PDB file of N, CA and C in Angstrom:
ATOM      1  N   UNK A   1     120.162  96.324 120.224  1.00  0.00           N
ATOM      2  CA  UNK A   1     120.414  96.758 118.806  1.00  0.00           C
ATOM      3  C   UNK A   1     121.650  95.778 118.274  1.00  0.00           C
ATOM      4  N   UNK A   2     121.256  95.453 117.336  1.00  0.00           N
ATOM      5  CA  UNK A   2     122.214  94.284 116.322  1.00  0.00           C
ATOM      6  C   UNK A   2     123.284  95.419 115.769  1.00  0.00           C
ATOM      7  N   UNK A   3     124.270  94.687 115.375  1.00  0.00           N
ATOM      8  CA  UNK A   3     125.338  94.929 114.418  1.00  0.00           C
ATOM      9  C   UNK A   3     124.864  95.689 113.011  1.00  0.00           C
ATOM     10  N   UNK A   4     123.877  95.050 112.738  1.00  0.00           N
ATOM     11  CA  UNK A   4     123.468  95.557 111.277  1.00  0.00           C
ATOM     12  C   UNK A   4     122.585  96.670 111.361  1.00  0.00           C
ATOM     13  N   UNK A   5     122.017  96.875 112.721  1.00  0.00           N
ATOM     14  CA  UNK A   5     121.202  98.367 112.552  1.00  0.00           C
ATOM     15  C   UNK A   5     121.864  99.432 112.456  1.00  0.00           C
ATOM     16  N   UNK A   6     121.442 100.367 111.541  1.00  0.00           N
ATOM     17  CA  UNK A   6     122.126 101.607 111.548  1.00  0.00           C
ATOM     18  C   UNK A   6     122.175 102.583 112.749  1.00  0.00           C
ATOM     19  N   UNK A   7     123.341 103.142 113.138  1.00  0.00           N
ATOM     20  CA  UNK A   7     123.647 103.887 114.142  1.00  0.00           C
ATOM     21  C   UNK A   7     122.886 105.192 114.071  1.00  0.00           C
ATOM     22  N   UNK A   8     122.802 105.797 114.937  1.00  0.00           N
ATOM     23  CA  UNK A   8     122.365 107.194 115.100  1.00  0.00           C
ATOM     24  C   UNK A   8     123.027 107.945 114.281  1.00  0.00           C
ATOM     25  N   UNK A   9     124.227 108.247 114.060  1.00  0.00           N
ATOM     26  CA  UNK A   9     125.260 108.703 113.452  1.00  0.00           C
ATOM     27  C   UNK A   9     124.881 108.611 112.012  1.00  0.00           C
ATOM     28  N   UNK A  10     124.898 107.233 111.601  1.00  0.00           N
ATOM     29  CA  UNK A  10     124.594 106.945 110.202  1.00  0.00           C
ATOM     30  C   UNK A  10     123.337 107.400 109.918  1.00  0.00           C
ATOM     31  N   UNK A  11     122.377 107.449 110.612  1.00  0.00           N
ATOM     32  CA  UNK A  11     121.125 108.233 110.246  1.00  0.00           C
ATOM     33  C   UNK A  11     121.009 109.612 110.067  1.00  0.00           C
ATOM     34  N   UNK A  12     121.700 110.049 110.746  1.00  0.00           N
ATOM     35  CA  UNK A  12     121.979 111.558 110.712  1.00  0.00           C
ATOM     36  C   UNK A  12     122.692 111.985 109.125  1.00  0.00           C
ATOM     37  N   UNK A  13     123.819 111.373 109.224  1.00  0.00           N
ATOM     38  CA  UNK A  13     124.481 111.484 107.769  1.00  0.00           C
ATOM     39  C   UNK A  13     123.297 111.190 106.610  1.00  0.00           C
ATOM     40  N   UNK A  14     122.692 110.155 106.777  1.00  0.00           N
ATOM     41  CA  UNK A  14     121.579 109.915 105.678  1.00  0.00           C
ATOM     42  C   UNK A  14     120.681 111.220 105.552  1.00  0.00           C
ATOM     43  N   UNK A  15     120.020 111.673 106.781  1.00  0.00           N
ATOM     44  CA  UNK A  15     119.364 112.940 106.735  1.00  0.00           C
ATOM     45  C   UNK A  15     119.971 114.057 105.998  1.00  0.00           C
ATOM     46  N   UNK A  16     121.453 114.201 106.517  1.00  0.00           N
ATOM     47  CA  UNK A  16     122.140 115.285 105.637  1.00  0.00           C
ATOM     48  C   UNK A  16     122.151 115.122 104.137  1.00  0.00           C
ATOM     49  N   UNK A  17     122.478 114.063 103.885  1.00  0.00           N
ATOM     50  CA  UNK A  17     122.495 114.135 102.279  1.00  0.00           C
ATOM     51  C   UNK A  17     121.229 114.235 101.484  1.00  0.00           C
ATOM     52  N   UNK A  18     120.078 113.765 102.348  1.00  0.00           N
ATOM     53  CA  UNK A  18     118.936 114.119 101.609  1.00  0.00           C
ATOM     54  C   UNK A  18     118.525 115.820 101.538  1.00  0.00           C
ATOM     55  N   UNK A  19     118.948 116.525 102.762  1.00  0.00           N
ATOM     56  CA  UNK A  19     118.621 117.812 102.702  1.00  0.00           C
ATOM     57  C   UNK A  19     119.437 118.567 101.866  1.00  0.00           C
ATOM     58  N   UNK A  20     120.905 118.063 101.966  1.00  0.00           N
ATOM     59  CA  UNK A  20     121.731 118.732 100.644  1.00  0.00           C
ATOM     60  C   UNK A  20     121.121 118.632  99.643  1.00  0.00           C
ATOM     61  N   UNK A  21     120.657 117.500  98.966  1.00  0.00           N
ATOM     62  CA  UNK A  21     120.136 117.327  97.597  1.00  0.00           C
ATOM     63  C   UNK A  21     119.133 118.151  97.452  1.00  0.00           C
ATOM     64  N   UNK A  22     118.146 118.166  98.489  1.00  0.00           N
ATOM     65  CA  UNK A  22     117.036 119.031  98.422  1.00  0.00           C
ATOM     66  C   UNK A  22     117.451 120.430  98.274  1.00  0.00           C
ATOM     67  N   UNK A  23     118.512 120.939  99.025  1.00  0.00           N
ATOM     68  CA  UNK A  23     119.057 122.306  99.233  1.00  0.00           C
ATOM     69  C   UNK A  23     119.429 122.645  97.847  1.00  0.00           C
ATOM     70  N   UNK A  24     120.222 121.614  97.080  1.00  0.00           N
ATOM     71  CA  UNK A  24     120.802 121.843  95.588  1.00  0.00           C
ATOM     72  C   UNK A  24     119.305 122.111  94.602  1.00  0.00           C
ATOM     73  N   UNK A  25     118.625 121.253  94.685  1.00  0.00           N
ATOM     74  CA  UNK A  25     117.344 121.380  94.013  1.00  0.00           C
ATOM     75  C   UNK A  25     117.042 122.558  94.314  1.00  0.00           C
ATOM     76  N   UNK A  26     116.568 123.115  95.354  1.00  0.00           N
ATOM     77  CA  UNK A  26     115.911 124.337  95.685  1.00  0.00           C
ATOM     78  C   UNK A  26     116.718 125.597  95.220  1.00  0.00           C
ATOM     79  N   UNK A  27     117.948 125.485  95.208  1.00  0.00           N
ATOM     80  CA  UNK A  27     118.793 126.508  94.813  1.00  0.00           C
ATOM     81  C   UNK A  27     118.568 126.561  92.972  1.00  0.00           C
ATOM     82  N   UNK A  28     118.489 125.238  92.581  1.00  0.00           N
ATOM     83  CA  UNK A  28     118.377 125.356  91.238  1.00  0.00           C
ATOM     84  C   UNK A  28     117.018 126.109  90.557  1.00  0.00           C
ATOM     85  N   UNK A  29     116.022 125.885  91.462  1.00  0.00           N
ATOM     86  CA  UNK A  29     114.635 126.447  91.168  1.00  0.00           C
ATOM     87  C   UNK A  29     114.714 127.825  91.203  1.00  0.00           C
ATOM     88  N   UNK A  30     115.674 128.183  92.266  1.00  0.00           N
ATOM     89  CA  UNK A  30     115.758 129.709  92.378  1.00  0.00           C
ATOM     90  C   UNK A  30     116.390 130.249  91.528  1.00  0.00           C
ATOM     91  N   UNK A  31     117.653 129.713  91.055  1.00  0.00           N
ATOM     92  CA  UNK A  31     118.405 130.182  89.819  1.00  0.00           C
ATOM     93  C   UNK A  31     117.663 130.304  88.673  1.00  0.00           C
ATOM     94  N   UNK A  32     116.860 129.323  88.298  1.00  0.00           N
ATOM     95  CA  UNK A  32     115.868 129.076  87.252  1.00  0.00           C
ATOM     96  C   UNK A  32     114.995 130.479  87.130  1.00  0.00           C
ATOM     97  N   UNK A  33     114.050 130.685  88.363  1.00  0.00           N
ATOM     98  CA  UNK A  33     113.291 131.446  88.330  1.00  0.00           C
ATOM     99  C   UNK A  33     113.687 132.977  88.216  1.00  0.00           C
ATOM    100  N   UNK A  34     114.948 133.146  88.946  1.00  0.00           N
ATOM    101  CA  UNK A  34     115.867 134.587  88.640  1.00  0.00           C
ATOM    102  C   UNK A  34     116.087 134.712  87.115  1.00  0.00           C
ATOM    103  N   UNK A  35     116.399 133.711  86.311  1.00  0.00           N
ATOM    104  CA  UNK A  35     116.828 133.808  84.991  1.00  0.00           C
ATOM    105  C   UNK A  35     115.588 134.083  83.980  1.00  0.00           C
ATOM    106  N   UNK A  36     114.486 133.549  84.534  1.00  0.00           N
ATOM    107  CA  UNK A  36     113.173 133.908  83.863  1.00  0.00           C
ATOM    108  C   UNK A  36     112.650 135.087  84.124  1.00  0.00           C
ATOM    109  N   UNK A  37     112.846 135.722  85.517  1.00  0.00           N
ATOM    110  CA  UNK A  37     112.446 137.103  85.830  1.00  0.00           C
ATOM    111  C   UNK A  37     113.248 138.140  84.961  1.00  0.00           C
ATOM    112  N   UNK A  38     114.611 137.648  84.859  1.00  0.00           N
ATOM    113  CA  UNK A  38     115.239 138.620  84.158  1.00  0.00           C
ATOM    114  C   UNK A  38     115.063 138.603  82.559  1.00  0.00           C
ATOM    115  N   UNK A  39     114.726 137.552  82.035  1.00  0.00           N
ATOM    116  CA  UNK A  39     114.070 137.564  80.721  1.00  0.00           C
ATOM    117  C   UNK A  39     113.244 138.268  80.354  1.00  0.00           C
ATOM    118  N   UNK A  40     112.045 138.358  81.451  1.00  0.00           N
ATOM    119  CA  UNK A  40     110.848 138.878  81.221  1.00  0.00           C
ATOM    120  C   UNK A  40     111.095 140.478  81.224  1.00  0.00           C
ATOM    121  N   UNK A  41     111.818 140.801  82.414  1.00  0.00           N
ATOM    122  CA  UNK A  41     112.220 142.147  82.575  1.00  0.00           C
ATOM    123  C   UNK A  41     112.820 142.555  81.111  1.00  0.00           C
ATOM    124  N   UNK A  42     113.836 141.813  80.422  1.00  0.00           N
ATOM    125  CA  UNK A  42     114.682 142.340  79.481  1.00  0.00           C
ATOM    126  C   UNK A  42     113.585 142.374  78.459  1.00  0.00           C
ATOM    127  N   UNK A  43     112.602 141.592  78.159  1.00  0.00           N
ATOM    128  CA  UNK A  43     111.856 141.472  77.077  1.00  0.00           C
ATOM    129  C   UNK A  43     110.758 142.782  77.144  1.00  0.00           C
ATOM    130  N   UNK A  44     110.483 142.876  78.291  1.00  0.00           N
ATOM    131  CA  UNK A  44     109.629 144.373  78.526  1.00  0.00           C
ATOM    132  C   UNK A  44     110.338 145.442  78.397  1.00  0.00           C
ATOM    133  N   UNK A  45     111.557 145.502  78.557  1.00  0.00           N
ATOM    134  CA  UNK A  45     112.500 146.886  78.024  1.00  0.00           C
ATOM    135  C   UNK A  45     113.002 147.046  76.726  1.00  0.00           C
ATOM    136  N   UNK A  46     112.618 145.403  76.059  1.00  0.00           N
ATOM    137  CA  UNK A  46     113.094 145.921  74.666  1.00  0.00           C
ATOM    138  C   UNK A  46     111.938 145.929  73.760  1.00  0.00           C
ATOM    139  N   UNK A  47     110.763 145.800  74.421  1.00  0.00           N
ATOM    140  CA  UNK A  47     109.621 145.811  73.596  1.00  0.00           C
ATOM    141  C   UNK A  47     109.320 146.983  72.986  1.00  0.00           C
ATOM    142  N   UNK A  48     109.188 147.020  71.751  1.00  0.00           N
ATOM    143  CA  UNK A  48     108.860 148.453  70.808  1.00  0.00           C
ATOM    144  C   UNK A  48     107.603 149.080  71.481  1.00  0.00           C
ATOM    145  N   UNK A  49     107.469 150.382  71.673  1.00  0.00           N
ATOM    146  CA  UNK A  49     106.285 150.934  71.998  1.00  0.00           C
ATOM    147  C   UNK A  49     105.185 150.856  71.023  1.00  0.00           C
ATOM    148  N   UNK A  50     103.965 150.657  71.513  1.00  0.00           N
ATOM    149  CA  UNK A  50     102.704 150.454  70.536  1.00  0.00           C
ATOM    150  C   UNK A  50     102.727 151.702  69.482  1.00  0.00           C
ATOM    151  N   UNK A  51     102.316 151.578  68.459  1.00  0.00           N
ATOM    152  CA  UNK A  51     102.233 152.665  67.577  1.00  0.00           C
ATOM    153  C   UNK A  51     100.938 153.622  67.996  1.00  0.00           C
ATOM    154  N   UNK A  52     101.053 154.502  67.351  1.00  0.00           N
ATOM    155  CA  UNK A  52     100.033 155.519  67.673  1.00  0.00           C
ATOM    156  C   UNK A  52      98.873 155.427  67.442  1.00  0.00           C
ATOM    157  N   UNK A  53      98.767 154.713  66.078  1.00  0.00           N
ATOM    158  CA  UNK A  53      97.328 154.550  65.439  1.00  0.00           C
ATOM    159  C   UNK A  53      97.497 153.291  64.714  1.00  0.00           C
ATOM    160  N   UNK A  54      96.252 152.668  64.758  1.00  0.00           N
ATOM    161  CA  UNK A  54      96.301 151.301  64.272  1.00  0.00           C
ATOM    162  C   UNK A  54      94.854 151.615  63.325  1.00  0.00           C
ATOM    163  N   UNK A  55      95.034 150.766  62.298  1.00  0.00           N
ATOM    164  CA  UNK A  55      94.001 150.467  61.217  1.00  0.00           C
ATOM    165  C   UNK A  55      93.602 149.038  61.243  1.00  0.00           C
ATOM    166  N   UNK A  56      92.581 148.517  61.580  1.00  0.00           N
ATOM    167  CA  UNK A  56      91.729 147.436  61.522  1.00  0.00           C
ATOM    168  C   UNK A  56      91.470 146.661  60.181  1.00  0.00           C
ATOM    169  N   UNK A  57      92.020 145.988  59.708  1.00  0.00           N
ATOM    170  CA  UNK A  57      91.816 145.233  58.609  1.00  0.00           C
ATOM    171  C   UNK A  57      90.408 144.430  58.761  1.00  0.00           C
ATOM    172  N   UNK A  58      89.866 144.292  57.498  1.00  0.00           N
ATOM    173  CA  UNK A  58      88.387 143.378  57.161  1.00  0.00           C
ATOM    174  C   UNK A  58      88.818 142.144  57.393  1.00  0.00           C
ATOM    175  N   UNK A  59      87.815 140.999  57.437  1.00  0.00           N
ATOM    176  CA  UNK A  59      88.391 139.587  57.455  1.00  0.00           C
ATOM    177  C   UNK A  59      89.041 139.100  56.647  1.00  0.00           C
ATOM    178  N   UNK A  60      89.120 139.346  55.273  1.00  0.00           N
ATOM    179  CA  UNK A  60      89.979 138.864  54.519  1.00  0.00           C
ATOM    180  C   UNK A  60      90.717 140.268  53.605  1.00  0.00           C
ATOM    181  N   UNK A  61      91.841 139.915  52.973  1.00  0.00           N
ATOM    182  CA  UNK A  61      92.650 141.029  52.362  1.00  0.00           C
ATOM    183  C   UNK A  61      91.797 141.938  51.347  1.00  0.00           C
ATOM    184  N   UNK A  62      90.901 141.077  50.672  1.00  0.00           N
ATOM    185  CA  UNK A  62      90.246 142.232  49.720  1.00  0.00           C
ATOM    186  C   UNK A  62      88.888 142.856  50.587  1.00  0.00           C
ATOM    187  N   UNK A  63      88.594 142.693  51.830  1.00  0.00           N
ATOM    188  CA  UNK A  63      87.698 143.545  52.485  1.00  0.00           C
ATOM    189  C   UNK A  63      88.263 145.179  52.849  1.00  0.00           C
ATOM    190  N   UNK A  64      87.518 145.704  52.955  1.00  0.00           N
ATOM    191  CA  UNK A  64      88.143 147.226  53.275  1.00  0.00           C
ATOM    192  C   UNK A  64      88.299 147.314  54.880  1.00  0.00           C
ATOM    193  N   UNK A  65      89.095 148.411  55.201  1.00  0.00           N
ATOM    194  CA  UNK A  65      89.459 148.409  56.794  1.00  0.00           C
ATOM    195  C   UNK A  65      87.924 148.585  57.398  1.00  0.00           C
ATOM    196  N   UNK A  66      88.197 148.281  58.814  1.00  0.00           N
ATOM    197  CA  UNK A  66      86.885 148.556  59.592  1.00  0.00           C
ATOM    198  C   UNK A  66      87.009 149.733  60.475  1.00  0.00           C
ATOM    199  N   UNK A  67      88.159 149.661  61.085  1.00  0.00           N
ATOM    200  CA  UNK A  67      88.155 150.957  61.995  1.00  0.00           C
ATOM    201  C   UNK A  67      89.534 151.366  62.189  1.00  0.00           C
ATOM    202  N   UNK A  68      89.695 152.726  62.236  1.00  0.00           N
ATOM    203  CA  UNK A  68      90.815 153.417  62.860  1.00  0.00           C
ATOM    204  C   UNK A  68      90.942 153.407  64.639  1.00  0.00           C
ATOM    205  N   UNK A  69      91.787 153.094  64.922  1.00  0.00           N
ATOM    206  CA  UNK A  69      91.817 152.681  66.759  1.00  0.00           C
ATOM    207  C   UNK A  69      92.976 153.801  67.230  1.00  0.00           C
ATOM    208  N   UNK A  70      93.126 154.160  68.294  1.00  0.00           N
ATOM    209  CA  UNK A  70      94.423 154.476  68.959  1.00  0.00           C
ATOM    210  C   UNK A  70      95.459 153.420  69.194  1.00  0.00           C
ATOM    211  N   UNK A  71      96.567 153.828  69.491  1.00  0.00           N
ATOM    212  CA  UNK A  71      97.492 152.748  69.423  1.00  0.00           C
ATOM    213  C   UNK A  71      97.462 151.738  70.476  1.00  0.00           C
ATOM    214  N   UNK A  72      96.591 152.364  71.422  1.00  0.00           N
ATOM    215  CA  UNK A  72      96.823 151.285  72.794  1.00  0.00           C
ATOM    216  C   UNK A  72      95.277 150.905  73.163  1.00  0.00           C
ATOM    217  N   UNK A  73      94.269 151.058  72.127  1.00  0.00           N
ATOM    218  CA  UNK A  73      92.939 150.725  72.275  1.00  0.00           C
ATOM    219  C   UNK A  73      92.490 149.112  72.344  1.00  0.00           C
ATOM    220  N   UNK A  74      91.894 148.901  73.808  1.00  0.00           N
ATOM    221  CA  UNK A  74      91.771 147.776  74.129  1.00  0.00           C
ATOM    222  C   UNK A  74      90.673 146.836  73.074  1.00  0.00           C
ATOM    223  N   UNK A  75      89.955 147.679  72.338  1.00  0.00           N
ATOM    224  CA  UNK A  75      89.260 146.771  71.500  1.00  0.00           C
ATOM    225  C   UNK A  75      89.978 146.573  70.090  1.00  0.00           C
ATOM    226  N   UNK A  76      91.053 147.247  69.783  1.00  0.00           N
ATOM    227  CA  UNK A  76      91.634 146.514  68.455  1.00  0.00           C
ATOM    228  C   UNK A  76      91.643 145.242  68.264  1.00  0.00           C
ATOM    229  N   UNK A  77      91.148 144.747  66.909  1.00  0.00           N
ATOM    230  CA  UNK A  77      91.423 143.280  66.600  1.00  0.00           C
ATOM    231  C   UNK A  77      92.719 142.809  66.340  1.00  0.00           C
ATOM    232  N   UNK A  78      92.950 141.537  66.196  1.00  0.00           N
ATOM    233  CA  UNK A  78      94.216 140.931  65.815  1.00  0.00           C
ATOM    234  C   UNK A  78      94.557 141.425  64.221  1.00  0.00           C
ATOM    235  N   UNK A  79      93.704 141.819  63.686  1.00  0.00           N
ATOM    236  CA  UNK A  79      93.946 142.011  62.242  1.00  0.00           C
ATOM    237  C   UNK A  79      94.589 143.566  62.302  1.00  0.00           C
ATOM    238  N   UNK A  80      95.019 144.222  62.921  1.00  0.00           N
ATOM    239  CA  UNK A  80      95.146 145.634  63.224  1.00  0.00           C
ATOM    240  C   UNK A  80      96.673 145.512  62.881  1.00  0.00           C
ATOM    241  N   UNK A  81      97.034 146.877  62.067  1.00  0.00           N
ATOM    242  CA  UNK A  81      98.432 147.122  62.093  1.00  0.00           C
ATOM    243  C   UNK A  81      98.671 148.645  62.210  1.00  0.00           C
ATOM    244  N   UNK A  82      99.844 149.179  62.762  1.00  0.00           N
ATOM    245  CA  UNK A  82     100.463 150.181  62.942  1.00  0.00           C
ATOM    246  C   UNK A  82     100.197 151.208  62.017  1.00  0.00           C
ATOM    247  N   UNK A  83      99.864 152.393  61.969  1.00  0.00           N
ATOM    248  CA  UNK A  83      99.800 153.273  61.002  1.00  0.00           C
ATOM    249  C   UNK A  83     100.412 154.559  61.260  1.00  0.00           C
ATOM    250  N   UNK A  84     100.650 155.557  60.560  1.00  0.00           N
ATOM    251  CA  UNK A  84     101.176 157.017  60.812  1.00  0.00           C
ATOM    252  C   UNK A  84      99.788 157.845  60.846  1.00  0.00           C
ATOM    253  N   UNK A  85     100.078 159.044  61.705  1.00  0.00           N
ATOM    254  CA  UNK A  85      99.033 160.049  61.731  1.00  0.00           C
ATOM    255  C   UNK A  85      98.175 160.522  60.821  1.00  0.00           C
ATOM    256  N   UNK A  86      99.261 160.611  59.530  1.00  0.00           N
ATOM    257  CA  UNK A  86      98.240 161.294  58.458  1.00  0.00           C
ATOM    258  C   UNK A  86      97.669 159.930  57.809  1.00  0.00           C
ATOM    259  N   UNK A  87      98.055 159.000  57.903  1.00  0.00           N
ATOM    260  CA  UNK A  87      97.373 157.563  57.303  1.00  0.00           C
ATOM    261  C   UNK A  87      95.931 157.435  58.125  1.00  0.00           C
ATOM    262  N   UNK A  88      96.113 157.668  59.386  1.00  0.00           N
ATOM    263  CA  UNK A  88      94.785 157.850  60.211  1.00  0.00           C
ATOM    264  C   UNK A  88      93.920 158.700  59.966  1.00  0.00           C
ATOM    265  N   UNK A  89      94.315 159.797  59.654  1.00  0.00           N
ATOM    266  CA  UNK A  89      93.326 161.132  59.401  1.00  0.00           C
ATOM    267  C   UNK A  89      92.875 160.716  57.860  1.00  0.00           C
ATOM    268  N   UNK A  90      93.793 160.273  57.034  1.00  0.00           N
ATOM    269  CA  UNK A  90      93.397 159.873  55.590  1.00  0.00           C
ATOM    270  C   UNK A  90      92.238 158.899  55.597  1.00  0.00           C
ATOM    271  N   UNK A  91      92.541 158.017  56.197  1.00  0.00           N
ATOM    272  CA  UNK A  91      91.676 156.721  56.488  1.00  0.00           C
ATOM    273  C   UNK A  91      90.147 157.062  56.861  1.00  0.00           C
ATOM    274  N   UNK A  92      89.911 158.085  58.028  1.00  0.00           N
ATOM    275  CA  UNK A  92      88.800 158.435  58.609  1.00  0.00           C
ATOM    276  C   UNK A  92      87.971 159.324  57.446  1.00  0.00           C
ATOM    277  N   UNK A  93      89.089 160.257  56.796  1.00  0.00           N
ATOM    278  CA  UNK A  93      88.633 161.230  55.914  1.00  0.00           C
ATOM    279  C   UNK A  93      87.872 160.149  54.692  1.00  0.00           C
ATOM    280  N   UNK A  94      88.266 159.189  54.565  1.00  0.00           N
ATOM    281  CA  UNK A  94      87.928 158.204  53.310  1.00  0.00           C
ATOM    282  C   UNK A  94      86.806 157.536  53.859  1.00  0.00           C
ATOM    283  N   UNK A  95      86.320 157.678  54.943  1.00  0.00           N
ATOM    284  CA  UNK A  95      85.185 156.881  55.337  1.00  0.00           C
ATOM    285  C   UNK A  95      85.328 155.602  56.273  1.00  0.00           C
ATOM    286  N   UNK A  96      86.544 155.339  56.513  1.00  0.00           N
ATOM    287  CA  UNK A  96      86.877 154.417  57.518  1.00  0.00           C
ATOM    288  C   UNK A  96      86.465 154.699  58.942  1.00  0.00           C
ATOM    289  N   UNK A  97      85.571 153.683  59.708  1.00  0.00           N
ATOM    290  CA  UNK A  97      84.880 154.156  60.793  1.00  0.00           C
ATOM    291  C   UNK A  97      85.964 154.472  61.894  1.00  0.00           C
ATOM    292  N   UNK A  98      85.898 155.613  62.830  1.00  0.00           N
ATOM    293  CA  UNK A  98      86.707 155.611  64.075  1.00  0.00           C
ATOM    294  C   UNK A  98      86.153 154.664  65.037  1.00  0.00           C
ATOM    295  N   UNK A  99      87.116 154.318  65.909  1.00  0.00           N
ATOM    296  CA  UNK A  99      86.445 153.293  67.003  1.00  0.00           C
ATOM    297  C   UNK A  99      85.648 154.165  67.891  1.00  0.00           C
ATOM    298  N   UNK A 100      84.549 153.467  68.169  1.00  0.00           N
ATOM    299  CA  UNK A 100      83.428 154.179  69.167  1.00  0.00           C
ATOM    300  C   UNK A 100      84.131 154.258  70.753  1.00  0.00           C
ATOM    301  N   UNK A 101      85.103 153.182  70.788  1.00  0.00           N
ATOM    302  CA  UNK A 101      85.476 153.213  72.199  1.00  0.00           C
ATOM    303  C   UNK A 101      86.603 154.191  72.755  1.00  0.00           C
ATOM    304  N   UNK A 102      87.769 154.206  71.676  1.00  0.00           N
ATOM    305  CA  UNK A 102      88.920 155.047  71.783  1.00  0.00           C
ATOM    306  C   UNK A 102      88.761 156.415  71.229  1.00  0.00           C
ATOM    307  N   UNK A 103      88.036 156.341  70.181  1.00  0.00           N
ATOM    308  CA  UNK A 103      87.690 157.793  69.532  1.00  0.00           C
ATOM    309  C   UNK A 103      88.916 158.371  69.153  1.00  0.00           C
ATOM    310  N   UNK A 104      89.525 157.804  68.050  1.00  0.00           N
ATOM    311  CA  UNK A 104      90.607 158.574  67.484  1.00  0.00           C
ATOM    312  C   UNK A 104      90.283 159.701  66.809  1.00  0.00           C
ATOM    313  N   UNK A 105      89.056 159.901  66.341  1.00  0.00           N
ATOM    314  CA  UNK A 105      88.633 161.149  65.744  1.00  0.00           C
ATOM    315  C   UNK A 105      88.813 162.272  66.618  1.00  0.00           C
ATOM    316  N   UNK A 106      88.506 162.087  67.912  1.00  0.00           N
ATOM    317  CA  UNK A 106      88.696 163.284  68.933  1.00  0.00           C
ATOM    318  C   UNK A 106      90.166 163.621  68.978  1.00  0.00           C
ATOM    319  N   UNK A 107      91.057 162.482  68.943  1.00  0.00           N
ATOM    320  CA  UNK A 107      92.401 162.600  69.261  1.00  0.00           C
ATOM    321  C   UNK A 107      93.109 163.488  67.849  1.00  0.00           C
ATOM    322  N   UNK A 108      92.483 163.174  66.729  1.00  0.00           N
ATOM    323  CA  UNK A 108      92.853 163.595  65.524  1.00  0.00           C
ATOM    324  C   UNK A 108      92.324 165.009  65.082  1.00  0.00           C
ATOM    325  N   UNK A 109      91.177 165.386  66.062  1.00  0.00           N
ATOM    326  CA  UNK A 109      90.569 166.571  65.930  1.00  0.00           C
ATOM    327  C   UNK A 109      89.870 166.799  64.538  1.00  0.00           C
ATOM    328  N   UNK A 110      89.147 165.458  64.540  1.00  0.00           N
ATOM    329  CA  UNK A 110      88.190 165.371  63.267  1.00  0.00           C
ATOM    330  C   UNK A 110      86.931 165.222  63.369  1.00  0.00           C
ATOM    331  N   UNK A 111      86.358 165.765  64.459  1.00  0.00           N
ATOM    332  CA  UNK A 111      85.026 165.513  64.667  1.00  0.00           C
ATOM    333  C   UNK A 111      84.081 166.353  63.783  1.00  0.00           C
ATOM    334  N   UNK A 112      82.881 165.918  63.624  1.00  0.00           N
ATOM    335  CA  UNK A 112      82.113 166.640  62.821  1.00  0.00           C
ATOM    336  C   UNK A 112      81.442 167.914  63.308  1.00  0.00           C
TER     337      UNK A 112
END
């Protein structure tokens, strides 16, 4: 072994520095993930509850409404907005169709 060859101790110190750098990076990743999970949890806690009823609008602003849905209906379109119970009853009474999947007319006791 020549004088310029690294010693076993020098090699071990090098490995230690690499591992410390890797440990620091892993700890940053853990902190980032903990922060993201906390933000998701806070977002879920602060999210307002869905409306009880939805009115699905037509394709454009001049189109009549298409359906009345329950607030958690899986089939409600993106053009749906929350409405009150009386508005849902009035819409169905005025001829807006009740969603055939969630059946808001049953929940409103408005069956024929």
